[in-house]
Amino acid sequence: MEPKFFQKYPIVKDILSLVGFVAAIVLGTMFLTTFIYRSYDVVGQSMENTFKDSDRVIVNRAAVSWAHLMGQEYVPERGQIIVFANEDKTKVADYKTQGIENPKTCSAPDNIADQYIIKRVIAFPGERVAVKDGKLTVYNEEHPEGFDYDSTYRDGEDFGPKEYTSGEIDIVVPEGELFVSGDNREGSHSWDSRIGLGTIPYCRIMGPVVFRLFPFERMRLF
């Protein structure tokens, strides 16, 4: 019956094939962007000179997907550049009305420009971070006297944090969270864990940046 029907109406077969092909493309794209990789446009000056405004970067979602599949939170490496979801201010307000102090949410807010943020990983839970006299210092068990983060992770003038860090802070990173910062910390160029943003929970991480796709003359792996 079916072969005769399609022989009589070949256009129906063509339409069904086209619909199936488009559906496969859509589903495949959704799978890739959800679990494998995703691209983002850098907005602003907070990551200069490593990234500039309008740079397009590729984020490795597979690392996060695999960690979650194993029932764990994804933990990036120190010095890695990550993209993470901005805090949902609506949910934070709801939590505060319930008497929850310093609430942290894991979902990205809708309909705002800065739905996702790009920063560099500075410190992990239990580590102390101090900013004073233009220097950012990290203290932990391995370095009880502290180490100069910027001199460790700077790679020339075009990659890594700038030399001067504005502000003054001295905090210990809470459990399950990260201290993150932009590479351009002079003045108020970077809204990060030093200034206003606070530490971020692992659950908001979208993944590490692995490639700069655009501009083409500055393509590189990370």
C-alpha atoms as a PDB file:
ATOM      1  CA  MET A   1       0.000   0.000   0.000  1.00  0.00           C
ATOM      2  CA  GLU A   2       2.719   2.499   1.040  1.00  0.00           C
ATOM      3  CA  PRO A   3       4.976   2.021  -2.008  1.00  0.00           C
ATOM      4  CA  LYS A   4       1.997   2.524  -4.318  1.00  0.00           C
ATOM      5  CA  PHE A   5       0.894   5.635  -2.383  1.00  0.00           C
ATOM      6  CA  PHE A   6       4.338   7.237  -2.593  1.00  0.00           C
ATOM      7  CA  GLN A   7       4.627   6.242  -6.238  1.00  0.00           C
ATOM      8  CA  LYS A   8       1.341   7.970  -6.893  1.00  0.00           C
ATOM      9  CA  TYR A   9       2.199  11.024  -4.777  1.00  0.00           C
ATOM     10  CA  PRO A  10       5.998  11.384  -4.864  1.00  0.00           C
ATOM     11  CA  ILE A  11       5.789  14.972  -3.626  1.00  0.00           C
ATOM     12  CA  VAL A  12       4.478  13.686  -0.271  1.00  0.00           C
ATOM     13  CA  LYS A  13       7.542  11.497   0.086  1.00  0.00           C
ATOM     14  CA  ASP A  14       9.781  14.459  -0.746  1.00  0.00           C
ATOM     15  CA  ILE A  15       8.026  16.658   1.819  1.00  0.00           C
ATOM     16  CA  LEU A  16       8.308  14.003   4.554  1.00  0.00           C
ATOM     17  CA  SER A  17      11.995  13.523   3.761  1.00  0.00           C
ATOM     18  CA  LEU A  18      12.580  17.274   3.958  1.00  0.00           C
ATOM     19  CA  VAL A  19      10.714  17.544   7.266  1.00  0.00           C
ATOM     20  CA  GLY A  20      12.707  14.640   8.673  1.00  0.00           C
ATOM     21  CA  PHE A  21      15.979  16.209   7.533  1.00  0.00           C
ATOM     22  CA  VAL A  22      15.143  19.611   9.080  1.00  0.00           C
ATOM     23  CA  ALA A  23      14.025  17.954  12.334  1.00  0.00           C
ATOM     24  CA  ALA A  24      17.286  16.005  12.510  1.00  0.00           C
ATOM     25  CA  ILE A  25      19.300  19.205  11.971  1.00  0.00           C
ATOM     26  CA  VAL A  26      17.349  21.092  14.662  1.00  0.00           C
ATOM     27  CA  LEU A  27      17.581  18.263  17.194  1.00  0.00           C
ATOM     28  CA  GLY A  28      21.259  17.720  16.424  1.00  0.00           C
ATOM     29  CA  THR A  29      22.021  21.418  16.869  1.00  0.00           C
ATOM     30  CA  MET A  30      20.101  21.522  20.153  1.00  0.00           C
ATOM     31  CA  PHE A  31      22.032  18.497  21.403  1.00  0.00           C
ATOM     32  CA  LEU A  32      25.396  19.971  20.428  1.00  0.00           C
ATOM     33  CA  THR A  33      24.754  23.405  21.980  1.00  0.00           C
ATOM     34  CA  THR A  34      23.292  21.898  25.154  1.00  0.00           C
ATOM     35  CA  PHE A  35      25.819  19.154  25.838  1.00  0.00           C
ATOM     36  CA  ILE A  36      28.894  19.553  23.587  1.00  0.00           C
ATOM     37  CA  TYR A  37      29.793  23.157  22.802  1.00  0.00           C
ATOM     38  CA  ARG A  38      28.328  26.644  22.672  1.00  0.00           C
ATOM     39  CA  SER A  39      29.507  29.973  21.286  1.00  0.00           C
ATOM     40  CA  TYR A  40      29.301  33.364  22.985  1.00  0.00           C
ATOM     41  CA  ASP A  41      30.136  36.949  22.043  1.00  0.00           C
ATOM     42  CA  VAL A  42      32.355  38.872  24.448  1.00  0.00           C
ATOM     43  CA  VAL A  43      30.786  42.171  25.511  1.00  0.00           C
ATOM     44  CA  GLY A  44      32.798  44.983  27.065  1.00  0.00           C
ATOM     45  CA  GLN A  45      36.390  45.516  28.189  1.00  0.00           C
ATOM     46  CA  SER A  46      36.565  43.364  31.332  1.00  0.00           C
ATOM     47  CA  MET A  47      38.725  40.640  29.749  1.00  0.00           C
ATOM     48  CA  GLU A  48      41.199  42.834  27.833  1.00  0.00           C
ATOM     49  CA  ASN A  49      43.773  42.210  26.601  1.00  0.00           C
ATOM     50  CA  THR A  50      42.958  38.509  26.397  1.00  0.00           C
ATOM     51  CA  PHE A  51      39.544  39.118  24.826  1.00  0.00           C
ATOM     52  CA  LYS A  52      38.182  42.273  23.292  1.00  0.00           C
ATOM     53  CA  ASP A  53      34.643  43.484  22.751  1.00  0.00           C
ATOM     54  CA  SER A  54      32.825  41.440  20.054  1.00  0.00           C
ATOM     55  CA  ASP A  55      35.267  38.516  20.139  1.00  0.00           C
ATOM     56  CA  ARG A  56      33.447  35.209  19.594  1.00  0.00           C
ATOM     57  CA  VAL A  57      34.528  32.310  21.787  1.00  0.00           C
ATOM     58  CA  ILE A  58      33.691  28.600  21.884  1.00  0.00           C
ATOM     59  CA  VAL A  59      32.910  27.023  25.259  1.00  0.00           C
ATOM     60  CA  ASN A  60      33.402  23.331  26.016  1.00  0.00           C
ATOM     61  CA  ARG A  61      30.010  22.175  27.319  1.00  0.00           C
ATOM     62  CA  ALA A  62      31.077  18.505  27.109  1.00  0.00           C
ATOM     63  CA  ALA A  63      33.307  18.855  30.186  1.00  0.00           C
ATOM     64  CA  VAL A  64      30.373  20.075  32.270  1.00  0.00           C
ATOM     65  CA  SER A  65      27.969  17.521  30.779  1.00  0.00           C
ATOM     66  CA  TRP A  66      30.347  14.648  31.590  1.00  0.00           C
ATOM     67  CA  ALA A  67      30.837  15.816  35.184  1.00  0.00           C
ATOM     68  CA  HIS A  68      27.077  16.056  35.692  1.00  0.00           C
ATOM     69  CA  LEU A  69      26.620  12.615  34.118  1.00  0.00           C
ATOM     70  CA  MET A  70      29.031  11.288  36.761  1.00  0.00           C
ATOM     71  CA  GLY A  71      26.944  12.974  39.456  1.00  0.00           C
ATOM     72  CA  GLN A  72      29.572  15.641  40.170  1.00  0.00           C
ATOM     73  CA  GLU A  73      29.969  19.382  39.776  1.00  0.00           C
ATOM     74  CA  TYR A  74      32.378  20.529  37.085  1.00  0.00           C
ATOM     75  CA  VAL A  75      35.511  22.014  38.676  1.00  0.00           C
ATOM     76  CA  PRO A  76      37.669  24.127  36.335  1.00  0.00           C
ATOM     77  CA  GLU A  77      41.418  24.631  36.667  1.00  0.00           C
ATOM     78  CA  ARG A  78      42.957  27.721  38.167  1.00  0.00           C
ATOM     79  CA  GLY A  79      43.679  30.247  35.446  1.00  0.00           C
ATOM     80  CA  GLN A  80      41.037  28.884  33.073  1.00  0.00           C
ATOM     81  CA  ILE A  81      38.597  31.314  31.520  1.00  0.00           C
ATOM     82  CA  ILE A  82      35.003  30.242  32.053  1.00  0.00           C
ATOM     83  CA  VAL A  83      31.535  31.376  31.028  1.00  0.00           C
ATOM     84  CA  PHE A  84      28.849  31.174  33.694  1.00  0.00           C
ATOM     85  CA  ALA A  85      25.220  32.135  34.127  1.00  0.00           C
ATOM     86  CA  ASN A  86      24.493  35.491  35.692  1.00  0.00           C
ATOM     87  CA  GLU A  87      22.496  35.461  38.913  1.00  0.00           C
ATOM     88  CA  ASP A  88      18.714  35.394  38.628  1.00  0.00           C
ATOM     89  CA  LYS A  89      17.850  38.557  40.576  1.00  0.00           C
ATOM     90  CA  THR A  90      14.155  37.661  40.672  1.00  0.00           C
ATOM     91  CA  LYS A  91      14.839  34.380  42.445  1.00  0.00           C
ATOM     92  CA  VAL A  92      17.308  36.069  44.771  1.00  0.00           C
ATOM     93  CA  ALA A  93      14.612  38.551  45.773  1.00  0.00           C
ATOM     94  CA  ASP A  94      12.163  35.689  46.357  1.00  0.00           C
ATOM     95  CA  TYR A  95      14.670  33.879  48.553  1.00  0.00           C
ATOM     96  CA  LYS A  96      15.328  37.009  50.577  1.00  0.00           C
ATOM     97  CA  THR A  97      11.620  37.420  51.273  1.00  0.00           C
ATOM     98  CA  GLN A  98      11.774  33.884  52.693  1.00  0.00           C
ATOM     99  CA  GLY A  99      14.521  34.960  55.083  1.00  0.00           C
ATOM    100  CA  ILE A 100      17.355  33.187  53.227  1.00  0.00           C
ATOM    101  CA  GLU A 101      20.566  35.175  53.668  1.00  0.00           C
ATOM    102  CA  ASN A 102      23.074  35.540  50.812  1.00  0.00           C
ATOM    103  CA  PRO A 103      21.111  33.286  48.429  1.00  0.00           C
ATOM    104  CA  LYS A 104      22.840  31.775  45.404  1.00  0.00           C
ATOM    105  CA  THR A 105      20.898  30.647  42.349  1.00  0.00           C
ATOM    106  CA  CYS A 106      21.947  28.329  39.547  1.00  0.00           C
ATOM    107  CA  SER A 107      19.666  29.451  36.739  1.00  0.00           C
ATOM    108  CA  ALA A 108      20.336  32.184  34.214  1.00  0.00           C
ATOM    109  CA  PRO A 109      17.934  35.147  34.194  1.00  0.00           C
ATOM    110  CA  ASP A 110      15.757  35.757  31.146  1.00  0.00           C
ATOM    111  CA  ASN A 111      15.566  38.803  28.904  1.00  0.00           C
ATOM    112  CA  ILE A 112      18.664  40.675  30.079  1.00  0.00           C
ATOM    113  CA  ALA A 113      21.777  41.550  28.100  1.00  0.00           C
ATOM    114  CA  ASP A 114      24.285  40.056  30.535  1.00  0.00           C
ATOM    115  CA  GLN A 115      22.675  36.646  30.841  1.00  0.00           C
ATOM    116  CA  TYR A 116      26.127  35.041  30.766  1.00  0.00           C
ATOM    117  CA  ILE A 117      29.457  36.357  32.066  1.00  0.00           C
ATOM    118  CA  ILE A 118      33.056  35.522  31.095  1.00  0.00           C
ATOM    119  CA  LYS A 119      35.811  35.647  33.743  1.00  0.00           C
ATOM    120  CA  ARG A 120      39.027  33.925  34.827  1.00  0.00           C
ATOM    121  CA  VAL A 121      39.196  31.412  37.692  1.00  0.00           C
ATOM    122  CA  ILE A 122      41.289  32.819  40.543  1.00  0.00           C
ATOM    123  CA  ALA A 123      40.670  30.778  43.700  1.00  0.00           C
ATOM    124  CA  PHE A 124      38.802  27.762  45.091  1.00  0.00           C
ATOM    125  CA  PRO A 125      36.835  26.946  48.277  1.00  0.00           C
ATOM    126  CA  GLY A 126      38.800  27.501  51.464  1.00  0.00           C
ATOM    127  CA  GLU A 127      41.421  29.701  49.801  1.00  0.00           C
ATOM    128  CA  ARG A 128      41.948  33.269  50.904  1.00  0.00           C
ATOM    129  CA  VAL A 129      42.116  36.058  48.339  1.00  0.00           C
ATOM    130  CA  ALA A 130      43.518  39.478  49.167  1.00  0.00           C
ATOM    131  CA  VAL A 131      43.769  42.562  46.980  1.00  0.00           C
ATOM    132  CA  LYS A 132      45.968  45.363  48.271  1.00  0.00           C
ATOM    133  CA  ASP A 133      48.292  47.956  46.777  1.00  0.00           C
ATOM    134  CA  GLY A 134      47.427  46.870  43.249  1.00  0.00           C
ATOM    135  CA  LYS A 135      48.303  43.195  43.787  1.00  0.00           C
ATOM    136  CA  LEU A 136      46.073  40.114  43.937  1.00  0.00           C
ATOM    137  CA  THR A 137      47.399  37.428  46.289  1.00  0.00           C
ATOM    138  CA  VAL A 138      46.047  33.916  46.867  1.00  0.00           C
ATOM    139  CA  TYR A 139      46.720  32.017  50.109  1.00  0.00           C
ATOM    140  CA  ASN A 140      46.257  28.256  50.534  1.00  0.00           C
ATOM    141  CA  GLU A 141      47.877  25.238  52.187  1.00  0.00           C
ATOM    142  CA  GLU A 142      50.468  24.961  49.433  1.00  0.00           C
ATOM    143  CA  HIS A 143      51.298  28.663  49.635  1.00  0.00           C
ATOM    144  CA  PRO A 144      50.623  29.797  53.227  1.00  0.00           C
ATOM    145  CA  GLU A 145      52.587  32.995  52.583  1.00  0.00           C
ATOM    146  CA  GLY A 146      50.546  33.614  49.450  1.00  0.00           C
ATOM    147  CA  PHE A 147      51.479  33.818  45.787  1.00  0.00           C
ATOM    148  CA  ASP A 148      51.134  36.548  43.183  1.00  0.00           C
ATOM    149  CA  TYR A 149      48.419  35.204  40.920  1.00  0.00           C
ATOM    150  CA  ASP A 150      49.032  37.574  38.019  1.00  0.00           C
ATOM    151  CA  SER A 151      52.728  36.843  37.591  1.00  0.00           C
ATOM    152  CA  THR A 152      51.908  33.124  37.520  1.00  0.00           C
ATOM    153  CA  TYR A 153      49.206  33.242  34.854  1.00  0.00           C
ATOM    154  CA  ARG A 154      50.304  36.115  32.620  1.00  0.00           C
ATOM    155  CA  ASP A 155      51.537  35.068  29.178  1.00  0.00           C
ATOM    156  CA  GLY A 156      52.848  38.130  27.405  1.00  0.00           C
ATOM    157  CA  GLU A 157      51.093  41.471  26.889  1.00  0.00           C
ATOM    158  CA  ASP A 158      48.233  40.036  24.832  1.00  0.00           C
ATOM    159  CA  PHE A 159      47.163  37.210  27.144  1.00  0.00           C
ATOM    160  CA  GLY A 160      46.460  37.073  30.842  1.00  0.00           C
ATOM    161  CA  PRO A 161      45.655  39.581  33.587  1.00  0.00           C
ATOM    162  CA  LYS A 162      46.949  43.128  33.460  1.00  0.00           C
ATOM    163  CA  GLU A 163      49.540  44.085  36.052  1.00  0.00           C
ATOM    164  CA  TYR A 164      47.464  46.377  38.266  1.00  0.00           C
ATOM    165  CA  THR A 165      44.399  45.329  40.299  1.00  0.00           C
ATOM    166  CA  SER A 166      42.186  48.056  41.739  1.00  0.00           C
ATOM    167  CA  GLY A 167      40.272  47.802  44.973  1.00  0.00           C
ATOM    168  CA  GLU A 168      40.904  46.234  48.354  1.00  0.00           C
ATOM    169  CA  ILE A 169      39.404  42.967  49.577  1.00  0.00           C
ATOM    170  CA  ASP A 170      40.290  40.089  51.889  1.00  0.00           C
ATOM    171  CA  ILE A 171      37.945  37.081  51.824  1.00  0.00           C
ATOM    172  CA  VAL A 172      37.889  33.300  52.103  1.00  0.00           C
ATOM    173  CA  VAL A 173      36.104  31.533  49.234  1.00  0.00           C
ATOM    174  CA  PRO A 174      33.002  29.672  50.496  1.00  0.00           C
ATOM    175  CA  GLU A 175      32.460  25.949  49.973  1.00  0.00           C
ATOM    176  CA  GLY A 176      31.166  25.034  46.507  1.00  0.00           C
ATOM    177  CA  GLU A 177      32.060  28.404  44.997  1.00  0.00           C
ATOM    178  CA  LEU A 178      34.793  30.129  42.988  1.00  0.00           C
ATOM    179  CA  PHE A 179      36.494  33.506  43.102  1.00  0.00           C
ATOM    180  CA  VAL A 180      36.585  34.863  39.541  1.00  0.00           C
ATOM    181  CA  SER A 181      37.894  38.030  37.990  1.00  0.00           C
ATOM    182  CA  GLY A 182      38.329  39.788  34.683  1.00  0.00           C
ATOM    183  CA  ASP A 183      41.782  40.374  33.216  1.00  0.00           C
ATOM    184  CA  ASN A 184      41.252  44.141  33.084  1.00  0.00           C
ATOM    185  CA  ARG A 185      40.994  45.037  36.780  1.00  0.00           C
ATOM    186  CA  GLU A 186      42.089  48.646  36.601  1.00  0.00           C
ATOM    187  CA  GLY A 187      39.385  50.982  37.828  1.00  0.00           C
ATOM    188  CA  SER A 188      35.875  49.648  37.349  1.00  0.00           C
ATOM    189  CA  HIS A 189      36.369  47.838  34.036  1.00  0.00           C
ATOM    190  CA  SER A 190      35.550  44.403  35.475  1.00  0.00           C
ATOM    191  CA  TRP A 191      32.518  43.540  37.595  1.00  0.00           C
ATOM    192  CA  ASP A 192      33.731  40.398  39.336  1.00  0.00           C
ATOM    193  CA  SER A 193      34.272  38.690  42.702  1.00  0.00           C
ATOM    194  CA  ARG A 194      36.219  41.737  43.932  1.00  0.00           C
ATOM    195  CA  ILE A 195      33.467  44.207  43.133  1.00  0.00           C
ATOM    196  CA  GLY A 196      29.757  43.452  43.469  1.00  0.00           C
ATOM    197  CA  LEU A 197      29.534  40.063  41.771  1.00  0.00           C
ATOM    198  CA  GLY A 198      30.749  37.998  44.708  1.00  0.00           C
ATOM    199  CA  THR A 199      31.871  34.393  44.462  1.00  0.00           C
ATOM    200  CA  ILE A 200      29.959  32.121  42.069  1.00  0.00           C
ATOM    201  CA  PRO A 201      28.669  28.569  42.684  1.00  0.00           C
ATOM    202  CA  TYR A 202      29.948  25.695  40.535  1.00  0.00           C
ATOM    203  CA  CYS A 203      26.402  24.986  39.341  1.00  0.00           C
ATOM    204  CA  ARG A 204      26.317  28.201  37.286  1.00  0.00           C
ATOM    205  CA  ILE A 205      29.345  27.271  35.136  1.00  0.00           C
ATOM    206  CA  MET A 206      28.541  26.778  31.449  1.00  0.00           C
ATOM    207  CA  GLY A 207      32.069  25.595  30.629  1.00  0.00           C
ATOM    208  CA  PRO A 208      35.664  26.656  29.943  1.00  0.00           C
ATOM    209  CA  VAL A 209      36.612  28.718  26.896  1.00  0.00           C
ATOM    210  CA  VAL A 210      38.603  26.511  24.519  1.00  0.00           C
ATOM    211  CA  PHE A 211      38.801  28.529  21.303  1.00  0.00           C
ATOM    212  CA  ARG A 212      38.528  32.076  19.970  1.00  0.00           C
ATOM    213  CA  LEU A 213      36.751  31.848  16.642  1.00  0.00           C
ATOM    214  CA  PHE A 214      36.505  35.537  15.735  1.00  0.00           C
ATOM    215  CA  PRO A 215      38.173  37.760  14.695  1.00  0.00           C
ATOM    216  CA  PHE A 216      39.755  35.265  12.336  1.00  0.00           C
ATOM    217  CA  GLU A 217      43.211  36.859  12.478  1.00  0.00           C
ATOM    218  CA  ARG A 218      43.267  36.268  16.258  1.00  0.00           C
ATOM    219  CA  MET A 219      41.966  32.678  16.299  1.00  0.00           C
ATOM    220  CA  ARG A 220      43.648  30.544  18.945  1.00  0.00           C
ATOM    221  CA  LEU A 221      43.131  27.638  21.339  1.00  0.00           C
ATOM    222  CA  PHE A 222      42.986  28.062  25.112  1.00  0.00           C
END
